[in-house]
Amino acid sequence: MTADLTLVVADDHPMFRAAVSQALRSVIEGVRIVEASSQSSLEAALAAEPLADLVLLDLTMPGAMGFSSLIWLRGEYPDLPVIVISSNDHPRTVRRAQQFGAAGFVSKAAPAEVLGQAVKIVLGGGSSFESARAERSEQDAMLAARLAQLTPQQFRVLMLLAEGLLNKQIAAAMGLAENTVKIHVTAVLAKLECRSRTQAAVLVKSLDLEDAGE
């Protein structure tokens, strides 16, 4: 496979990013690899590479909770295909990845050949999932639609809110005025149809992974 392609590898483990990058270069001649190690660095990478062709996404990076990065990507870059790469390959995890908009799923335990084949299929406009077919969940669909309404900054506020941070702490972490954070929190709660910060945190927690850990 030969193409002038830019792929983003988002994972917080440097050795795994290196292994994925090597596997990709073995199947795509001349491919450009852009690496990201957290939600914030993923945002920065895509801001710098808005025409990237594919994201290979880990689900447990700093700044993310479960499927939150995937939902953010689908909302901000709806035409950018995403392959989830995770050590949590429980069938429900795979199904939820598909429902939340991933174009493919590859277990971290899979050989490099499986990853290469999945990348080829997805870049060709197809989808690649290991065995599991999505069983539609109306609850997940509603959750994804609500979260997709958030701006990138509101999304970051929500993630920090879900960690239990106060407005003052969120303001310090994001370099914003506390009043600006209050405005964002109000908007986030309205878009998510939540009556309280606690309710919003519980909603974010529902995005977390189940059964096997990363």
N, C-alpha and C. Protein backbone atom coordinates (compact mmCIF):
# COMPACT_ATOMS: atom_id res chain seq x y z
N MET A 1 0.85 -1.19 0.00
CA MET A 1 0.00 0.00 0.00
C MET A 1 0.89 1.24 0.00
N THR A 2 0.73 2.08 -1.00
CA THR A 2 1.54 3.28 -1.11
C THR A 2 0.64 4.50 -1.20
N ALA A 3 0.89 5.48 -0.34
CA ALA A 3 0.03 6.67 -0.33
C ALA A 3 0.71 7.79 0.42
N ASP A 4 0.29 9.01 0.10
CA ASP A 4 0.76 10.18 0.83
C ASP A 4 -0.22 10.41 1.97
N LEU A 5 -0.01 9.71 3.07
CA LEU A 5 -0.98 9.69 4.17
C LEU A 5 -0.36 10.20 5.46
N THR A 6 -1.21 10.82 6.29
CA THR A 6 -0.82 11.24 7.62
C THR A 6 -1.72 10.53 8.62
N LEU A 7 -1.10 9.73 9.48
CA LEU A 7 -1.85 9.00 10.50
C LEU A 7 -1.44 9.50 11.88
N VAL A 8 -2.41 9.62 12.78
CA VAL A 8 -2.16 10.06 14.14
C VAL A 8 -2.26 8.85 15.07
N VAL A 9 -1.21 8.60 15.83
CA VAL A 9 -1.20 7.51 16.81
C VAL A 9 -1.30 8.13 18.19
N ALA A 10 -2.43 7.91 18.87
CA ALA A 10 -2.69 8.53 20.17
C ALA A 10 -2.69 7.46 21.26
N ASP A 11 -1.63 7.43 22.05
CA ASP A 11 -1.48 6.45 23.12
C ASP A 11 -0.49 7.02 24.12
N ASP A 12 -0.71 6.75 25.41
CA ASP A 12 0.18 7.37 26.40
C ASP A 12 1.45 6.56 26.67
N HIS A 13 1.62 5.41 26.01
CA HIS A 13 2.83 4.61 26.22
C HIS A 13 3.79 4.79 25.03
N PRO A 14 4.94 5.41 25.23
CA PRO A 14 5.88 5.67 24.13
C PRO A 14 6.29 4.41 23.38
N MET A 15 6.52 3.31 24.09
CA MET A 15 6.95 2.08 23.42
C MET A 15 5.85 1.52 22.53
N PHE A 16 4.60 1.65 22.98
CA PHE A 16 3.50 1.14 22.15
C PHE A 16 3.32 2.02 20.92
N ARG A 17 3.44 3.35 21.10
CA ARG A 17 3.36 4.24 19.93
C ARG A 17 4.43 3.88 18.93
N ALA A 18 5.64 3.60 19.40
CA ALA A 18 6.75 3.25 18.51
C ALA A 18 6.44 1.94 17.76
N ALA A 19 5.87 0.96 18.48
CA ALA A 19 5.55 -0.32 17.85
C ALA A 19 4.47 -0.16 16.79
N VAL A 20 3.45 0.65 17.10
CA VAL A 20 2.37 0.89 16.13
C VAL A 20 2.92 1.63 14.91
N SER A 21 3.75 2.62 15.15
CA SER A 21 4.33 3.39 14.05
C SER A 21 5.15 2.49 13.13
N GLN A 22 5.92 1.58 13.72
CA GLN A 22 6.73 0.66 12.92
C GLN A 22 5.83 -0.26 12.09
N ALA A 23 4.75 -0.74 12.71
CA ALA A 23 3.82 -1.62 12.00
C ALA A 23 3.17 -0.89 10.83
N LEU A 24 2.82 0.37 11.04
CA LEU A 24 2.19 1.16 9.98
C LEU A 24 3.15 1.41 8.82
N ARG A 25 4.39 1.71 9.16
CA ARG A 25 5.39 1.98 8.10
C ARG A 25 5.70 0.73 7.28
N SER A 26 5.45 -0.43 7.87
CA SER A 26 5.72 -1.68 7.15
C SER A 26 4.65 -1.98 6.11
N VAL A 27 3.46 -1.38 6.26
CA VAL A 27 2.38 -1.64 5.30
C VAL A 27 2.04 -0.44 4.43
N ILE A 28 2.50 0.77 4.82
CA ILE A 28 2.20 1.97 4.05
C ILE A 28 3.51 2.71 3.78
N GLU A 29 3.94 2.68 2.55
CA GLU A 29 5.21 3.31 2.19
C GLU A 29 5.11 4.83 2.29
N GLY A 30 6.07 5.44 2.98
CA GLY A 30 6.13 6.90 3.05
C GLY A 30 5.09 7.55 3.93
N VAL A 31 4.41 6.78 4.78
CA VAL A 31 3.37 7.35 5.64
C VAL A 31 3.99 8.30 6.67
N ARG A 32 3.27 9.38 6.97
CA ARG A 32 3.69 10.31 8.04
C ARG A 32 2.96 9.92 9.31
N ILE A 33 3.70 9.78 10.39
CA ILE A 33 3.11 9.43 11.68
C ILE A 33 3.21 10.61 12.62
N VAL A 34 2.09 11.03 13.16
CA VAL A 34 2.05 12.08 14.17
C VAL A 34 1.62 11.43 15.48
N GLU A 35 2.38 11.66 16.54
CA GLU A 35 2.09 11.00 17.82
C GLU A 35 1.44 11.96 18.81
N ALA A 36 0.56 11.39 19.64
CA ALA A 36 -0.08 12.15 20.72
C ALA A 36 -0.13 11.24 21.94
N SER A 37 0.06 11.82 23.12
CA SER A 37 0.12 11.01 24.34
C SER A 37 -0.98 11.33 25.34
N SER A 38 -1.86 12.26 24.99
CA SER A 38 -2.94 12.67 25.90
C SER A 38 -4.06 13.31 25.09
N GLN A 39 -5.17 13.58 25.74
CA GLN A 39 -6.26 14.26 25.05
C GLN A 39 -5.82 15.64 24.56
N SER A 40 -5.11 16.37 25.40
CA SER A 40 -4.71 17.72 25.00
C SER A 40 -3.71 17.68 23.84
N SER A 41 -2.77 16.72 23.85
CA SER A 41 -1.81 16.65 22.75
C SER A 41 -2.48 16.13 21.48
N LEU A 42 -3.55 15.32 21.62
CA LEU A 42 -4.32 14.89 20.45
C LEU A 42 -5.01 16.10 19.82
N GLU A 43 -5.59 16.96 20.65
CA GLU A 43 -6.23 18.17 20.15
C GLU A 43 -5.23 19.04 19.42
N ALA A 44 -4.03 19.19 20.00
CA ALA A 44 -3.00 20.02 19.38
C ALA A 44 -2.52 19.40 18.07
N ALA A 45 -2.37 18.08 18.05
CA ALA A 45 -1.90 17.40 16.83
C ALA A 45 -2.88 17.59 15.69
N LEU A 46 -4.18 17.48 15.97
CA LEU A 46 -5.17 17.62 14.91
C LEU A 46 -5.37 19.07 14.50
N ALA A 47 -5.13 19.99 15.43
CA ALA A 47 -5.18 21.40 15.06
C ALA A 47 -4.07 21.72 14.07
N ALA A 48 -2.91 21.04 14.26
CA ALA A 48 -1.77 21.25 13.36
C ALA A 48 -1.89 20.42 12.08
N GLU A 49 -2.65 19.32 12.15
CA GLU A 49 -2.81 18.42 11.00
C GLU A 49 -4.30 18.20 10.72
N PRO A 50 -5.02 19.24 10.33
CA PRO A 50 -6.47 19.11 10.15
C PRO A 50 -6.87 18.17 9.01
N LEU A 51 -5.92 17.86 8.13
CA LEU A 51 -6.21 16.97 7.00
C LEU A 51 -5.66 15.56 7.24
N ALA A 52 -5.43 15.19 8.49
CA ALA A 52 -4.97 13.84 8.80
C ALA A 52 -5.96 12.82 8.23
N ASP A 53 -5.47 11.65 7.89
CA ASP A 53 -6.29 10.64 7.22
C ASP A 53 -6.90 9.62 8.17
N LEU A 54 -6.30 9.43 9.35
CA LEU A 54 -6.78 8.39 10.25
C LEU A 54 -6.19 8.62 11.64
N VAL A 55 -6.99 8.32 12.67
CA VAL A 55 -6.49 8.33 14.04
C VAL A 55 -6.56 6.92 14.60
N LEU A 56 -5.47 6.48 15.21
CA LEU A 56 -5.45 5.22 15.94
C LEU A 56 -5.44 5.59 17.42
N LEU A 57 -6.50 5.25 18.12
CA LEU A 57 -6.80 5.84 19.42
C LEU A 57 -6.81 4.84 20.56
N ASP A 58 -6.00 5.13 21.57
CA ASP A 58 -6.07 4.41 22.85
C ASP A 58 -7.22 5.01 23.66
N LEU A 59 -7.83 4.22 24.54
CA LEU A 59 -8.99 4.70 25.30
C LEU A 59 -8.66 5.21 26.69
N THR A 60 -7.41 5.09 27.13
CA THR A 60 -7.11 5.47 28.52
C THR A 60 -5.97 6.48 28.62
N MET A 61 -5.97 7.46 27.76
CA MET A 61 -4.95 8.50 27.83
C MET A 61 -5.28 9.51 28.92
N PRO A 62 -4.28 10.22 29.44
CA PRO A 62 -4.55 11.31 30.37
C PRO A 62 -5.49 12.35 29.75
N GLY A 63 -6.45 12.83 30.52
CA GLY A 63 -7.40 13.83 30.03
C GLY A 63 -8.63 13.22 29.40
N ALA A 64 -8.68 11.89 29.34
CA ALA A 64 -9.83 11.21 28.74
C ALA A 64 -10.41 10.23 29.75
N MET A 65 -11.65 9.86 29.54
CA MET A 65 -12.26 8.82 30.35
C MET A 65 -13.01 7.87 29.42
N GLY A 66 -12.47 6.68 29.28
CA GLY A 66 -13.13 5.70 28.43
C GLY A 66 -13.29 6.19 27.00
N PHE A 67 -14.54 6.29 26.58
CA PHE A 67 -14.83 6.63 25.19
C PHE A 67 -14.91 8.15 24.94
N SER A 68 -14.54 8.96 25.91
CA SER A 68 -14.72 10.41 25.76
C SER A 68 -13.91 10.97 24.58
N SER A 69 -12.68 10.50 24.38
CA SER A 69 -11.87 11.01 23.26
C SER A 69 -12.48 10.63 21.92
N LEU A 70 -13.02 9.43 21.84
CA LEU A 70 -13.66 8.99 20.60
C LEU A 70 -14.86 9.87 20.28
N ILE A 71 -15.68 10.14 21.29
CA ILE A 71 -16.86 10.99 21.07
C ILE A 71 -16.44 12.41 20.71
N TRP A 72 -15.39 12.90 21.33
CA TRP A 72 -14.88 14.24 20.98
C TRP A 72 -14.43 14.27 19.52
N LEU A 73 -13.71 13.24 19.10
CA LEU A 73 -13.26 13.18 17.71
C LEU A 73 -14.42 13.15 16.73
N ARG A 74 -15.44 12.36 17.02
CA ARG A 74 -16.58 12.27 16.12
C ARG A 74 -17.32 13.60 16.03
N GLY A 75 -17.35 14.35 17.13
CA GLY A 75 -18.02 15.64 17.11
C GLY A 75 -17.23 16.71 16.39
N GLU A 76 -15.90 16.73 16.61
CA GLU A 76 -15.06 17.78 16.04
C GLU A 76 -14.57 17.47 14.63
N TYR A 77 -14.35 16.18 14.34
CA TYR A 77 -13.82 15.77 13.03
C TYR A 77 -14.66 14.61 12.50
N PRO A 78 -15.90 14.88 12.13
CA PRO A 78 -16.81 13.79 11.74
C PRO A 78 -16.37 13.00 10.52
N ASP A 79 -15.51 13.58 9.67
CA ASP A 79 -15.07 12.87 8.47
C ASP A 79 -13.75 12.12 8.66
N LEU A 80 -13.18 12.22 9.85
CA LEU A 80 -11.89 11.59 10.14
C LEU A 80 -12.11 10.21 10.75
N PRO A 81 -11.74 9.13 10.06
CA PRO A 81 -11.96 7.79 10.61
C PRO A 81 -11.06 7.51 11.81
N VAL A 82 -11.57 6.72 12.73
CA VAL A 82 -10.85 6.39 13.97
C VAL A 82 -10.85 4.88 14.16
N ILE A 83 -9.68 4.32 14.40
CA ILE A 83 -9.57 2.93 14.83
C ILE A 83 -9.17 2.93 16.30
N VAL A 84 -9.98 2.31 17.13
CA VAL A 84 -9.66 2.18 18.54
C VAL A 84 -8.70 1.01 18.72
N ILE A 85 -7.62 1.24 19.46
CA ILE A 85 -6.67 0.18 19.80
C ILE A 85 -6.65 0.08 21.32
N SER A 86 -7.10 -1.04 21.85
CA SER A 86 -7.26 -1.14 23.30
C SER A 86 -6.94 -2.54 23.79
N SER A 87 -6.43 -2.63 25.02
CA SER A 87 -6.23 -3.93 25.63
C SER A 87 -7.53 -4.45 26.24
N ASN A 88 -8.52 -3.58 26.37
CA ASN A 88 -9.84 -4.01 26.82
C ASN A 88 -10.64 -4.40 25.58
N ASP A 89 -10.58 -5.68 25.23
CA ASP A 89 -11.25 -6.14 24.01
C ASP A 89 -12.50 -6.96 24.32
N HIS A 90 -13.12 -6.65 25.45
CA HIS A 90 -14.38 -7.29 25.80
C HIS A 90 -15.41 -6.97 24.70
N PRO A 91 -16.27 -7.92 24.35
CA PRO A 91 -17.24 -7.68 23.27
C PRO A 91 -18.06 -6.40 23.45
N ARG A 92 -18.45 -6.07 24.68
CA ARG A 92 -19.24 -4.85 24.87
C ARG A 92 -18.39 -3.61 24.59
N THR A 93 -17.11 -3.65 24.92
CA THR A 93 -16.22 -2.53 24.61
C THR A 93 -16.15 -2.32 23.10
N VAL A 94 -16.02 -3.42 22.37
CA VAL A 94 -15.95 -3.33 20.91
C VAL A 94 -17.26 -2.78 20.35
N ARG A 95 -18.38 -3.28 20.86
CA ARG A 95 -19.68 -2.82 20.38
C ARG A 95 -19.89 -1.34 20.66
N ARG A 96 -19.50 -0.90 21.86
CA ARG A 96 -19.68 0.52 22.19
C ARG A 96 -18.77 1.40 21.34
N ALA A 97 -17.55 0.94 21.07
CA ALA A 97 -16.65 1.69 20.19
C ALA A 97 -17.30 1.88 18.82
N GLN A 98 -17.93 0.84 18.32
CA GLN A 98 -18.59 0.93 17.02
C GLN A 98 -19.77 1.89 17.08
N GLN A 99 -20.57 1.81 18.14
CA GLN A 99 -21.73 2.68 18.23
C GLN A 99 -21.34 4.14 18.42
N PHE A 100 -20.24 4.37 19.13
CA PHE A 100 -19.79 5.74 19.36
C PHE A 100 -19.05 6.31 18.15
N GLY A 101 -18.96 5.55 17.06
CA GLY A 101 -18.47 6.12 15.81
C GLY A 101 -17.12 5.66 15.31
N ALA A 102 -16.49 4.68 15.98
CA ALA A 102 -15.21 4.18 15.48
C ALA A 102 -15.42 3.44 14.17
N ALA A 103 -14.41 3.47 13.31
CA ALA A 103 -14.47 2.74 12.05
C ALA A 103 -13.83 1.36 12.19
N GLY A 104 -13.12 1.14 13.30
CA GLY A 104 -12.49 -0.14 13.51
C GLY A 104 -12.05 -0.30 14.95
N PHE A 105 -11.75 -1.54 15.31
CA PHE A 105 -11.26 -1.86 16.66
C PHE A 105 -10.22 -2.96 16.53
N VAL A 106 -9.06 -2.74 17.17
CA VAL A 106 -8.00 -3.73 17.17
C VAL A 106 -7.52 -3.91 18.61
N SER A 107 -7.46 -5.15 19.06
CA SER A 107 -6.93 -5.43 20.39
C SER A 107 -5.43 -5.19 20.42
N LYS A 108 -4.93 -4.69 21.55
CA LYS A 108 -3.48 -4.51 21.68
C LYS A 108 -2.75 -5.85 21.68
N ALA A 109 -3.49 -6.94 21.91
CA ALA A 109 -2.88 -8.27 21.89
C ALA A 109 -2.78 -8.84 20.48
N ALA A 110 -3.39 -8.16 19.50
CA ALA A 110 -3.39 -8.67 18.13
C ALA A 110 -2.02 -8.49 17.48
N PRO A 111 -1.66 -9.37 16.56
CA PRO A 111 -0.38 -9.21 15.84
C PRO A 111 -0.41 -8.01 14.91
N ALA A 112 0.77 -7.56 14.53
CA ALA A 112 0.89 -6.37 13.69
C ALA A 112 0.14 -6.52 12.37
N GLU A 113 0.08 -7.75 11.86
CA GLU A 113 -0.62 -7.99 10.59
C GLU A 113 -2.10 -7.62 10.69
N VAL A 114 -2.70 -7.89 11.84
CA VAL A 114 -4.13 -7.57 12.04
C VAL A 114 -4.33 -6.06 12.02
N LEU A 115 -3.43 -5.33 12.68
CA LEU A 115 -3.50 -3.88 12.67
C LEU A 115 -3.35 -3.34 11.25
N GLY A 116 -2.37 -3.86 10.53
CA GLY A 116 -2.15 -3.40 9.16
C GLY A 116 -3.35 -3.64 8.28
N GLN A 117 -3.97 -4.80 8.42
CA GLN A 117 -5.15 -5.12 7.62
C GLN A 117 -6.31 -4.19 7.98
N ALA A 118 -6.49 -3.91 9.27
CA ALA A 118 -7.57 -3.02 9.69
C ALA A 118 -7.37 -1.61 9.13
N VAL A 119 -6.14 -1.14 9.15
CA VAL A 119 -5.83 0.19 8.61
C VAL A 119 -6.14 0.25 7.12
N LYS A 120 -5.75 -0.78 6.37
CA LYS A 120 -6.03 -0.82 4.94
C LYS A 120 -7.54 -0.77 4.67
N ILE A 121 -8.29 -1.56 5.44
CA ILE A 121 -9.74 -1.62 5.24
C ILE A 121 -10.38 -0.27 5.52
N VAL A 122 -10.00 0.35 6.64
CA VAL A 122 -10.61 1.62 7.03
C VAL A 122 -10.21 2.75 6.07
N LEU A 123 -8.95 2.78 5.65
CA LEU A 123 -8.52 3.80 4.69
C LEU A 123 -9.21 3.61 3.34
N GLY A 124 -9.66 2.39 3.09
CA GLY A 124 -10.40 2.12 1.87
C GLY A 124 -11.89 2.42 1.98
N GLY A 125 -12.29 2.96 3.12
CA GLY A 125 -13.69 3.34 3.31
C GLY A 125 -14.53 2.30 4.01
N GLY A 126 -13.92 1.21 4.46
CA GLY A 126 -14.67 0.16 5.13
C GLY A 126 -14.58 0.27 6.64
N SER A 127 -15.04 -0.79 7.32
CA SER A 127 -14.94 -0.85 8.77
C SER A 127 -14.36 -2.20 9.16
N SER A 128 -13.68 -2.24 10.29
CA SER A 128 -12.98 -3.45 10.71
C SER A 128 -13.14 -3.66 12.21
N PHE A 129 -13.95 -4.65 12.57
CA PHE A 129 -14.19 -4.97 13.97
C PHE A 129 -13.96 -6.46 14.20
N GLU A 130 -13.35 -6.75 15.34
CA GLU A 130 -13.06 -8.14 15.68
C GLU A 130 -14.31 -8.81 16.24
N SER A 131 -14.97 -9.54 15.44
CA SER A 131 -16.09 -10.42 15.82
C SER A 131 -17.36 -9.74 16.29
N ALA A 132 -17.24 -8.69 17.11
CA ALA A 132 -18.46 -8.13 17.70
C ALA A 132 -19.20 -7.19 16.76
N ARG A 133 -20.48 -7.36 16.66
CA ARG A 133 -21.33 -6.45 15.89
C ARG A 133 -22.04 -5.56 16.87
N ALA A 134 -22.24 -4.32 16.51
CA ALA A 134 -22.86 -3.38 17.45
C ALA A 134 -24.31 -3.74 17.72
N GLU A 135 -24.66 -3.81 18.98
CA GLU A 135 -26.06 -3.91 19.39
C GLU A 135 -26.45 -2.50 19.83
N ARG A 136 -27.34 -1.91 19.11
CA ARG A 136 -27.64 -0.50 19.34
C ARG A 136 -28.18 -0.26 20.74
N SER A 137 -27.61 0.72 21.41
CA SER A 137 -28.08 1.14 22.73
C SER A 137 -28.59 2.56 22.61
N GLU A 138 -29.87 2.76 22.87
CA GLU A 138 -30.43 4.10 22.80
C GLU A 138 -29.78 5.02 23.82
N GLN A 139 -29.43 4.47 24.96
CA GLN A 139 -28.78 5.28 26.00
C GLN A 139 -27.43 5.78 25.51
N ASP A 140 -26.64 4.91 24.88
CA ASP A 140 -25.35 5.33 24.35
C ASP A 140 -25.52 6.34 23.22
N ALA A 141 -26.53 6.14 22.37
CA ALA A 141 -26.77 7.06 21.26
C ALA A 141 -27.12 8.44 21.78
N MET A 142 -27.95 8.51 22.81
CA MET A 142 -28.35 9.78 23.40
C MET A 142 -27.15 10.47 24.05
N LEU A 143 -26.34 9.68 24.75
CA LEU A 143 -25.16 10.22 25.42
C LEU A 143 -24.18 10.80 24.40
N ALA A 144 -23.93 10.06 23.32
CA ALA A 144 -23.01 10.54 22.29
C ALA A 144 -23.51 11.83 21.66
N ALA A 145 -24.81 11.92 21.42
CA ALA A 145 -25.38 13.12 20.80
C ALA A 145 -25.22 14.33 21.71
N ARG A 146 -25.43 14.14 22.99
CA ARG A 146 -25.29 15.25 23.94
C ARG A 146 -23.84 15.73 24.03
N LEU A 147 -22.92 14.78 24.17
CA LEU A 147 -21.52 15.14 24.30
C LEU A 147 -20.96 15.79 23.04
N ALA A 148 -21.51 15.41 21.90
CA ALA A 148 -21.04 15.97 20.63
C ALA A 148 -21.37 17.45 20.50
N GLN A 149 -22.29 17.96 21.33
CA GLN A 149 -22.66 19.38 21.30
C GLN A 149 -21.60 20.26 21.96
N LEU A 150 -20.74 19.68 22.78
CA LEU A 150 -19.78 20.48 23.54
C LEU A 150 -18.65 20.99 22.66
N THR A 151 -18.22 22.21 22.92
CA THR A 151 -17.03 22.74 22.26
C THR A 151 -15.81 22.07 22.90
N PRO A 152 -14.63 22.12 22.25
CA PRO A 152 -13.44 21.52 22.85
C PRO A 152 -13.15 22.04 24.26
N GLN A 153 -13.34 23.33 24.48
CA GLN A 153 -13.08 23.88 25.81
C GLN A 153 -14.10 23.38 26.83
N GLN A 154 -15.36 23.31 26.42
CA GLN A 154 -16.40 22.77 27.31
C GLN A 154 -16.12 21.30 27.62
N PHE A 155 -15.62 20.59 26.63
CA PHE A 155 -15.27 19.18 26.84
C PHE A 155 -14.19 19.05 27.90
N ARG A 156 -13.16 19.91 27.82
CA ARG A 156 -12.08 19.86 28.82
C ARG A 156 -12.61 20.21 30.21
N VAL A 157 -13.50 21.20 30.28
CA VAL A 157 -14.10 21.57 31.56
C VAL A 157 -14.86 20.38 32.14
N LEU A 158 -15.61 19.69 31.29
CA LEU A 158 -16.37 18.53 31.76
C LEU A 158 -15.46 17.45 32.30
N MET A 159 -14.36 17.16 31.63
CA MET A 159 -13.44 16.13 32.10
C MET A 159 -12.86 16.48 33.47
N LEU A 160 -12.51 17.75 33.66
CA LEU A 160 -11.97 18.17 34.95
C LEU A 160 -13.05 18.18 36.02
N LEU A 161 -14.24 18.59 35.64
CA LEU A 161 -15.38 18.56 36.56
C LEU A 161 -15.64 17.12 37.02
N ALA A 162 -15.54 16.19 36.09
CA ALA A 162 -15.78 14.78 36.42
C ALA A 162 -14.72 14.22 37.36
N GLU A 163 -13.54 14.86 37.38
CA GLU A 163 -12.49 14.44 38.31
C GLU A 163 -12.71 15.02 39.70
N GLY A 164 -13.75 15.83 39.86
CA GLY A 164 -14.08 16.40 41.16
C GLY A 164 -13.46 17.75 41.43
N LEU A 165 -12.89 18.40 40.42
CA LEU A 165 -12.26 19.70 40.63
C LEU A 165 -13.29 20.80 40.79
N LEU A 166 -12.99 21.77 41.63
CA LEU A 166 -13.83 22.94 41.81
C LEU A 166 -13.56 23.94 40.69
N ASN A 167 -14.46 24.91 40.53
CA ASN A 167 -14.28 25.91 39.46
C ASN A 167 -12.92 26.60 39.56
N LYS A 168 -12.50 26.91 40.76
CA LYS A 168 -11.22 27.60 40.96
C LYS A 168 -10.07 26.72 40.47
N GLN A 169 -10.16 25.41 40.75
CA GLN A 169 -9.10 24.48 40.34
C GLN A 169 -9.12 24.28 38.82
N ILE A 170 -10.32 24.23 38.24
CA ILE A 170 -10.44 24.09 36.78
C ILE A 170 -9.85 25.32 36.10
N ALA A 171 -10.15 26.50 36.67
CA ALA A 171 -9.63 27.75 36.11
C ALA A 171 -8.10 27.75 36.11
N ALA A 172 -7.50 27.29 37.21
CA ALA A 172 -6.05 27.24 37.31
C ALA A 172 -5.46 26.25 36.31
N ALA A 173 -6.12 25.09 36.16
CA ALA A 173 -5.62 24.05 35.26
C ALA A 173 -5.69 24.48 33.80
N MET A 174 -6.72 25.27 33.46
CA MET A 174 -6.93 25.65 32.06
C MET A 174 -6.44 27.05 31.73
N GLY A 175 -5.98 27.79 32.75
CA GLY A 175 -5.52 29.14 32.50
C GLY A 175 -6.65 30.09 32.17
N LEU A 176 -7.82 29.90 32.78
CA LEU A 176 -8.99 30.72 32.53
C LEU A 176 -9.39 31.48 33.78
N ALA A 177 -10.20 32.52 33.60
CA ALA A 177 -10.78 33.21 34.73
C ALA A 177 -11.86 32.32 35.35
N GLU A 178 -12.01 32.40 36.65
CA GLU A 178 -12.99 31.55 37.32
C GLU A 178 -14.41 31.81 36.81
N ASN A 179 -14.69 33.07 36.49
CA ASN A 179 -16.02 33.39 35.98
C ASN A 179 -16.27 32.74 34.61
N THR A 180 -15.20 32.66 33.81
CA THR A 180 -15.32 32.00 32.51
C THR A 180 -15.64 30.52 32.69
N VAL A 181 -15.00 29.90 33.68
CA VAL A 181 -15.28 28.49 33.98
C VAL A 181 -16.72 28.32 34.41
N LYS A 182 -17.23 29.24 35.23
CA LYS A 182 -18.63 29.15 35.66
C LYS A 182 -19.57 29.18 34.47
N ILE A 183 -19.27 30.04 33.50
CA ILE A 183 -20.09 30.13 32.29
C ILE A 183 -20.04 28.81 31.52
N HIS A 184 -18.83 28.24 31.41
CA HIS A 184 -18.68 26.96 30.72
C HIS A 184 -19.45 25.84 31.43
N VAL A 185 -19.34 25.81 32.75
CA VAL A 185 -20.03 24.76 33.52
C VAL A 185 -21.54 24.86 33.31
N THR A 186 -22.06 26.08 33.33
CA THR A 186 -23.50 26.28 33.11
C THR A 186 -23.91 25.77 31.73
N ALA A 187 -23.09 26.08 30.72
CA ALA A 187 -23.39 25.64 29.36
C ALA A 187 -23.31 24.12 29.24
N VAL A 188 -22.30 23.53 29.89
CA VAL A 188 -22.13 22.07 29.85
C VAL A 188 -23.33 21.37 30.46
N LEU A 189 -23.75 21.83 31.62
CA LEU A 189 -24.89 21.21 32.29
C LEU A 189 -26.15 21.32 31.44
N ALA A 190 -26.32 22.47 30.79
CA ALA A 190 -27.51 22.67 29.95
C ALA A 190 -27.48 21.72 28.74
N LYS A 191 -26.33 21.62 28.08
CA LYS A 191 -26.23 20.76 26.90
C LYS A 191 -26.39 19.28 27.24
N LEU A 192 -25.91 18.90 28.42
CA LEU A 192 -26.00 17.50 28.83
C LEU A 192 -27.31 17.18 29.53
N GLU A 193 -28.13 18.23 29.73
CA GLU A 193 -29.42 18.08 30.42
C GLU A 193 -29.22 17.52 31.82
N CYS A 194 -28.21 18.04 32.50
CA CYS A 194 -27.91 17.64 33.87
C CYS A 194 -28.28 18.76 34.84
N ARG A 195 -28.79 18.39 35.98
CA ARG A 195 -29.20 19.39 36.97
C ARG A 195 -28.07 19.78 37.92
N SER A 196 -27.02 18.97 37.97
CA SER A 196 -25.94 19.23 38.91
C SER A 196 -24.60 18.74 38.36
N ARG A 197 -23.54 19.20 38.99
CA ARG A 197 -22.20 18.75 38.63
C ARG A 197 -22.06 17.25 38.88
N THR A 198 -22.65 16.79 39.96
CA THR A 198 -22.58 15.37 40.30
C THR A 198 -23.23 14.52 39.21
N GLN A 199 -24.37 14.97 38.73
CA GLN A 199 -25.07 14.24 37.67
C GLN A 199 -24.21 14.20 36.39
N ALA A 200 -23.55 15.30 36.09
CA ALA A 200 -22.68 15.34 34.91
C ALA A 200 -21.49 14.39 35.09
N ALA A 201 -20.93 14.34 36.30
CA ALA A 201 -19.80 13.45 36.57
C ALA A 201 -20.22 11.99 36.42
N VAL A 202 -21.42 11.65 36.87
CA VAL A 202 -21.93 10.28 36.74
C VAL A 202 -22.10 9.93 35.27
N LEU A 203 -22.58 10.91 34.49
CA LEU A 203 -22.78 10.69 33.07
C LEU A 203 -21.44 10.40 32.38
N VAL A 204 -20.41 11.16 32.73
CA VAL A 204 -19.08 10.93 32.16
C VAL A 204 -18.55 9.56 32.59
N LYS A 205 -18.81 9.19 33.83
CA LYS A 205 -18.34 7.90 34.35
C LYS A 205 -18.93 6.75 33.54
N SER A 206 -20.11 6.94 32.97
CA SER A 206 -20.73 5.88 32.17
C SER A 206 -19.96 5.61 30.88
N LEU A 207 -19.04 6.52 30.53
CA LEU A 207 -18.20 6.32 29.34
C LEU A 207 -17.01 5.42 29.64
N ASP A 208 -16.77 5.16 30.92
CA ASP A 208 -15.58 4.42 31.29
C ASP A 208 -15.67 2.97 30.81
N LEU A 209 -14.52 2.32 30.79
CA LEU A 209 -14.45 0.95 30.31
C LEU A 209 -14.86 -0.02 31.41
N GLU A 210 -15.39 -1.15 31.00
CA GLU A 210 -15.85 -2.16 31.95
C GLU A 210 -15.04 -3.43 31.81
N ASP A 211 -15.18 -4.30 32.79
CA ASP A 211 -14.62 -5.64 32.77
C ASP A 211 -13.08 -5.62 32.80
N ALA A 212 -12.47 -5.70 31.62
CA ALA A 212 -10.99 -5.74 31.58
C ALA A 212 -10.44 -4.33 31.68
N GLY A 213 -9.26 -4.18 32.26
CA GLY A 213 -8.62 -2.89 32.35
C GLY A 213 -7.59 -2.73 31.26
N GLU A 214 -7.18 -1.49 31.07
CA GLU A 214 -6.14 -1.23 30.05
C GLU A 214 -4.79 -1.68 30.59
